[in-house]
Protein backbone atom coordinates (compact mmCIF):
# COMPACT_ATOMS: atom_id res chain seq x y z
CA MET A 1 158.34 31.15 3.75
CA ARG A 2 160.18 30.71 0.52
CA SER A 3 163.01 28.33 -0.11
CA ILE A 4 166.45 29.56 -0.97
CA THR A 5 168.25 27.21 -3.30
CA THR A 6 171.50 27.43 -5.14
CA PRO A 7 172.64 25.66 -8.32
CA GLU A 8 174.71 23.39 -6.06
CA THR A 9 171.64 22.18 -4.12
CA HIS A 10 171.18 18.41 -4.28
CA GLU A 11 168.24 16.29 -3.15
CA GLU A 12 170.13 15.02 -0.10
CA ASP A 13 170.72 18.64 0.98
CA LEU A 14 166.97 19.21 1.26
CA ILE A 15 166.92 17.36 4.59
CA MET A 16 167.21 20.86 6.06
CA LYS A 17 165.91 23.84 4.12
CA GLN A 18 167.07 27.41 4.43
CA THR A 19 164.20 29.85 4.03
CA LEU A 20 163.35 33.48 4.59
CA LEU A 21 160.61 33.96 7.16
CA GLN A 22 158.56 37.09 6.45
CA GLU A 23 161.02 37.86 3.63
CA LYS A 24 163.79 38.94 6.04
CA TYR A 25 164.72 36.34 8.68
CA PRO A 26 167.05 33.57 7.46
CA VAL A 27 165.77 30.37 9.04
CA PHE A 28 166.85 26.75 8.75
CA VAL A 29 163.91 24.30 8.92
CA ALA A 30 163.74 20.52 9.08
CA GLU A 31 160.56 18.46 9.00
CA ILE A 32 161.28 15.12 10.63
CA ALA A 33 158.70 12.37 10.43
CA LYS A 34 158.35 10.45 13.68
CA SER A 35 159.10 7.33 11.65
CA GLU A 36 162.58 8.81 10.91
CA THR A 37 163.57 9.30 14.57
CA THR A 38 163.58 7.49 17.87
CA CYS A 39 162.28 10.74 19.40
CA GLN A 40 158.53 10.52 19.80
CA THR A 41 157.80 13.61 21.93
CA VAL A 42 159.05 17.17 22.09
CA ASP A 43 160.68 16.26 25.41
CA ASP A 44 162.64 13.50 23.65
CA VAL A 45 163.91 15.99 21.07
CA VAL A 46 164.81 18.50 23.78
CA GLU A 47 166.79 15.91 25.73
CA ARG A 48 168.66 14.83 22.60
CA LEU A 49 169.58 18.43 21.75
CA LYS A 50 170.51 19.24 25.36
CA ALA A 51 172.93 16.30 25.26
CA ARG A 52 174.57 17.75 22.14
CA ILE A 53 174.84 21.16 23.82
CA ALA A 54 176.43 19.56 26.90
CA GLU A 55 179.06 17.87 24.70
CA ASN A 56 180.46 21.23 23.57
CA PRO A 57 182.31 23.23 26.25
CA LYS A 58 181.80 26.44 24.25
CA VAL A 59 178.01 26.15 24.31
CA HIS A 60 175.94 26.91 27.39
CA TYR A 61 172.37 25.70 27.95
CA ILE A 62 170.14 28.52 29.23
CA GLY A 63 166.63 27.15 29.41
CA LEU A 64 163.45 25.97 27.79
CA PHE A 65 160.52 28.19 26.86
CA ASP A 66 157.17 26.44 26.43
CA HIS A 67 155.76 28.61 23.66
CA TYR A 68 152.59 26.51 23.38
CA ALA A 69 151.73 26.90 27.09
CA HIS A 70 152.49 30.62 26.99
CA THR A 71 150.35 31.23 23.90
CA GLN A 72 147.53 29.15 25.34
CA ALA A 73 147.71 31.00 28.70
CA ILE A 74 147.30 34.41 27.07
CA GLY A 75 144.47 33.25 24.81
CA GLY A 76 146.61 33.49 21.69
CA GLU A 77 145.92 31.69 18.44
CA ILE A 78 147.54 28.28 17.93
CA ASN A 79 147.45 26.40 14.65
CA PRO A 80 145.40 23.25 15.43
CA GLU A 81 148.09 21.10 13.76
CA ILE A 82 150.55 22.09 16.51
CA LYS A 83 150.36 19.75 19.51
CA ALA A 84 153.39 21.15 21.40
CA ALA A 85 155.94 23.91 20.76
CA VAL A 86 159.06 24.88 22.69
CA ASP A 87 162.21 26.93 22.22
CA LEU A 88 165.48 25.44 23.48
CA ILE A 89 167.68 28.41 24.45
CA PHE A 90 171.48 28.31 24.58
CA CYS A 91 174.54 30.38 23.71
CA PHE A 92 177.71 29.80 21.72
CA GLY A 93 180.22 31.79 23.75
CA TYR A 94 183.24 32.01 21.43
CA ALA A 95 183.88 35.76 21.80
CA LEU A 96 182.44 39.18 22.61
CA PRO A 97 184.09 41.30 19.91
CA ASN A 98 181.72 44.25 20.47
CA PRO A 99 178.53 45.09 22.39
CA GLN A 100 176.35 44.89 19.27
CA VAL A 101 176.85 41.13 19.00
CA LEU A 102 174.57 40.79 22.03
CA ALA A 103 171.63 41.61 19.72
CA VAL A 104 171.99 38.23 17.99
CA ARG A 105 172.55 36.16 21.13
CA PRO A 106 171.51 33.84 22.65
CA ARG A 107 170.44 31.24 20.09
CA SER A 108 167.38 29.03 20.13
CA ILE A 109 166.06 26.00 18.33
CA GLY A 110 162.30 25.78 17.96
CA ILE A 111 160.69 22.36 18.20
CA ALA A 112 157.05 21.81 17.20
CA ASP A 113 155.12 18.54 17.35
CA LEU A 114 152.62 18.23 14.49
CA GLY A 115 151.40 14.77 15.45
CA ASP A 116 153.13 12.66 12.81
CA ARG A 117 156.25 14.82 12.55
CA PHE A 118 158.40 17.45 14.19
CA VAL A 119 159.30 20.79 12.68
CA VAL A 120 162.66 21.89 14.04
CA SER A 121 163.95 25.35 13.17
CA PHE A 122 166.54 27.95 14.04
CA MET A 123 167.54 31.38 12.77
CA GLU A 124 170.83 31.65 10.95
CA ALA A 125 173.64 32.73 13.27
CA PRO A 126 176.29 35.28 12.29
CA MET A 127 178.96 32.63 13.05
CA GLN A 128 179.36 29.78 10.57
CA PRO A 129 180.59 27.29 13.24
CA ALA A 130 177.34 27.85 15.18
CA ASN A 131 175.24 27.22 12.07
CA GLU A 132 177.20 24.08 11.27
CA ALA A 133 176.79 22.75 14.82
CA MET A 134 173.04 23.45 14.98
CA GLU A 135 172.50 21.94 11.54
CA ALA A 136 174.42 18.79 12.55
CA TRP A 137 172.44 18.51 15.80
CA VAL A 138 169.12 18.75 13.96
CA LYS A 139 170.14 16.38 11.17
CA GLY A 140 171.28 13.93 13.85
CA LEU A 141 167.69 13.62 15.06
CA ARG A 142 167.05 11.41 12.00
CA ASP A 143 168.40 8.22 13.54
CA ARG A 144 166.16 5.60 11.93
CA ALA A 145 166.89 4.20 8.50
């Protein structure tokens, strides 16, 4: 991954970084130390984000995919730093302007437990309100001073 920064980037904006994964996928990533949040497990993070989804009548919770369990079950490689990894799947249902928009829906937020911290990430959505909501949800996980 490489960071994308602009001249307007300030230190406080680096709480969540925007990067390009594999040089083509725009991804927002936040590393949140467990000392910065009251969430101490992936399940805690999931429940917090599900609550935020439930607060918005235009967002629908779909499900949870345990990526760690799946990868382990098929004998796939898992970075030993990763203790748990899930994708929280949901959809912002503002409009269906054309059938092609289905290619970029639904949305997901990935949550990985690296022992002393969480890495929370999501791919940039084509709708700015969706990006703003997901960014606020993730930033809100930092609830300890």
